[in-house]
Amino acid sequence: MKKGLRIQGNFYINMDHIIEWSFDKDSLRISTVLCDGDYAYIIVADSIKDEDQRCSHKVTVNELHRIKREIAEYMGVDQQERLSSVK
């Protein structure tokens, strides 16, 4: 199974380094381990117009769904089960 998760362009995250992730309809937060501490990436759908939304990357809605799906598959988590818990 692949370990590299393409976020945007030539930016990838090693999925072995993901320690937690959470999402809602229009955004995703990924926390990873770095050698000097933890780092969080905030990924939001580009349809979000809220300028106050703190984010690392803006992607299309389809790309956001792809990223969520790939993380769920890699982690062995049923995405539908995770989606049903999102309010």
C-alpha atoms as a PDB file:
ATOM      1  CA  MET A   1       0.000   0.000   0.000  1.00  0.00           C
ATOM      2  CA  LYS A   2       1.317   3.446  -0.845  1.00  0.00           C
ATOM      3  CA  LYS A   3       2.481   5.717   1.939  1.00  0.00           C
ATOM      4  CA  GLY A   4       2.664   9.057   0.134  1.00  0.00           C
ATOM      5  CA  LEU A   5      -0.515  11.128   0.197  1.00  0.00           C
ATOM      6  CA  ARG A   6      -0.604  13.911  -2.407  1.00  0.00           C
ATOM      7  CA  ILE A   7      -2.224  16.977  -0.937  1.00  0.00           C
ATOM      8  CA  GLN A   8      -1.696  19.571  -3.633  1.00  0.00           C
ATOM      9  CA  GLY A   9       0.690  19.924  -6.551  1.00  0.00           C
ATOM     10  CA  ASN A  10       4.008  18.439  -5.473  1.00  0.00           C
ATOM     11  CA  PHE A  11       3.204  18.484  -1.737  1.00  0.00           C
ATOM     12  CA  TYR A  12       2.905  15.031  -0.136  1.00  0.00           C
ATOM     13  CA  ILE A  13       2.474  13.717   3.409  1.00  0.00           C
ATOM     14  CA  ASN A  14       3.916  10.395   4.572  1.00  0.00           C
ATOM     15  CA  MET A  15       0.840   8.608   5.928  1.00  0.00           C
ATOM     16  CA  ASP A  16       3.011   6.648   8.390  1.00  0.00           C
ATOM     17  CA  HIS A  17       3.519   9.964  10.201  1.00  0.00           C
ATOM     18  CA  ILE A  18      -0.168  10.825  10.660  1.00  0.00           C
ATOM     19  CA  ILE A  19      -0.996  10.619  14.358  1.00  0.00           C
ATOM     20  CA  GLU A  20      -4.550  11.950  14.181  1.00  0.00           C
ATOM     21  CA  TRP A  21      -7.022  13.368  11.720  1.00  0.00           C
ATOM     22  CA  SER A  22     -10.487  14.817  11.898  1.00  0.00           C
ATOM     23  CA  PHE A  23     -12.815  16.277   9.348  1.00  0.00           C
ATOM     24  CA  ASP A  24     -16.148  17.834   8.676  1.00  0.00           C
ATOM     25  CA  LYS A  25     -18.015  18.483   5.455  1.00  0.00           C
ATOM     26  CA  ASP A  26     -15.642  21.145   4.087  1.00  0.00           C
ATOM     27  CA  SER A  27     -12.345  20.671   5.891  1.00  0.00           C
ATOM     28  CA  LEU A  28      -9.779  18.218   7.176  1.00  0.00           C
ATOM     29  CA  ARG A  29      -7.158  18.508   9.916  1.00  0.00           C
ATOM     30  CA  ILE A  30      -4.144  16.200   9.813  1.00  0.00           C
ATOM     31  CA  SER A  31      -1.611  16.083  12.642  1.00  0.00           C
ATOM     32  CA  THR A  32       1.761  14.554  11.864  1.00  0.00           C
ATOM     33  CA  VAL A  33       4.944  13.773  13.758  1.00  0.00           C
ATOM     34  CA  LEU A  34       8.054  15.712  12.826  1.00  0.00           C
ATOM     35  CA  CYS A  35      11.514  15.225  14.283  1.00  0.00           C
ATOM     36  CA  ASP A  36      11.179  18.461  16.285  1.00  0.00           C
ATOM     37  CA  GLY A  37       7.529  18.072  17.336  1.00  0.00           C
ATOM     38  CA  ASP A  38       4.017  17.752  15.986  1.00  0.00           C
ATOM     39  CA  TYR A  39       2.649  19.717  13.057  1.00  0.00           C
ATOM     40  CA  ALA A  40      -0.925  20.185  11.892  1.00  0.00           C
ATOM     41  CA  TYR A  41      -2.084  20.711   8.329  1.00  0.00           C
ATOM     42  CA  ILE A  42      -5.492  22.264   7.792  1.00  0.00           C
ATOM     43  CA  ILE A  43      -6.987  21.458   4.401  1.00  0.00           C
ATOM     44  CA  VAL A  44     -10.190  23.156   3.283  1.00  0.00           C
ATOM     45  CA  ALA A  45     -12.359  23.001   0.192  1.00  0.00           C
ATOM     46  CA  ASP A  46     -11.707  25.946  -2.099  1.00  0.00           C
ATOM     47  CA  SER A  47     -15.438  26.676  -2.083  1.00  0.00           C
ATOM     48  CA  ILE A  48     -15.073  28.034   1.474  1.00  0.00           C
ATOM     49  CA  LYS A  49     -15.012  31.815   1.267  1.00  0.00           C
ATOM     50  CA  ASP A  50     -14.397  32.466   4.963  1.00  0.00           C
ATOM     51  CA  GLU A  51     -11.201  34.531   5.052  1.00  0.00           C
ATOM     52  CA  ASP A  52     -10.806  33.756   8.749  1.00  0.00           C
ATOM     53  CA  GLN A  53     -10.470  30.024   7.992  1.00  0.00           C
ATOM     54  CA  ARG A  54      -6.913  29.146   8.939  1.00  0.00           C
ATOM     55  CA  CYS A  55      -5.619  26.669   6.423  1.00  0.00           C
ATOM     56  CA  SER A  56      -2.450  25.177   5.029  1.00  0.00           C
ATOM     57  CA  HIS A  57      -3.951  24.190   1.666  1.00  0.00           C
ATOM     58  CA  LYS A  58      -7.118  24.890  -0.311  1.00  0.00           C
ATOM     59  CA  VAL A  59      -8.210  22.085  -2.629  1.00  0.00           C
ATOM     60  CA  THR A  60     -11.277  21.295  -4.707  1.00  0.00           C
ATOM     61  CA  VAL A  61     -14.137  19.471  -3.006  1.00  0.00           C
ATOM     62  CA  ASN A  62     -13.333  16.357  -5.064  1.00  0.00           C
ATOM     63  CA  GLU A  63      -9.689  16.451  -3.936  1.00  0.00           C
ATOM     64  CA  LEU A  64     -10.794  16.883  -0.318  1.00  0.00           C
ATOM     65  CA  HIS A  65     -12.961  13.762  -0.622  1.00  0.00           C
ATOM     66  CA  ARG A  66     -10.072  11.870  -2.249  1.00  0.00           C
ATOM     67  CA  ILE A  67      -7.708  12.809   0.588  1.00  0.00           C
ATOM     68  CA  LYS A  68     -10.269  11.736   3.221  1.00  0.00           C
ATOM     69  CA  ARG A  69     -10.877   8.446   1.397  1.00  0.00           C
ATOM     70  CA  GLU A  70      -7.169   7.653   1.018  1.00  0.00           C
ATOM     71  CA  ILE A  71      -6.480   8.289   4.706  1.00  0.00           C
ATOM     72  CA  ALA A  72      -9.446   6.130   5.740  1.00  0.00           C
ATOM     73  CA  GLU A  73      -8.320   3.290   3.465  1.00  0.00           C
ATOM     74  CA  TYR A  74      -4.715   3.496   4.654  1.00  0.00           C
ATOM     75  CA  MET A  75      -5.735   3.518   8.317  1.00  0.00           C
ATOM     76  CA  GLY A  76      -8.227   0.687   7.841  1.00  0.00           C
ATOM     77  CA  VAL A  77     -11.157   2.785   9.020  1.00  0.00           C
ATOM     78  CA  ASP A  78     -14.596   2.559   7.441  1.00  0.00           C
ATOM     79  CA  GLN A  79     -15.113   6.037   6.008  1.00  0.00           C
ATOM     80  CA  GLN A  80     -18.908   5.738   6.173  1.00  0.00           C
ATOM     81  CA  GLU A  81     -18.657   4.999   9.879  1.00  0.00           C
ATOM     82  CA  ARG A  82     -16.471   8.083  10.391  1.00  0.00           C
ATOM     83  CA  LEU A  83     -18.805  10.214   8.254  1.00  0.00           C
ATOM     84  CA  SER A  84     -21.838   9.147  10.266  1.00  0.00           C
ATOM     85  CA  SER A  85     -20.194  10.498  13.419  1.00  0.00           C
ATOM     86  CA  VAL A  86     -19.618  13.944  11.850  1.00  0.00           C
ATOM     87  CA  LYS A  87     -22.361  16.397  12.674  1.00  0.00           C
END
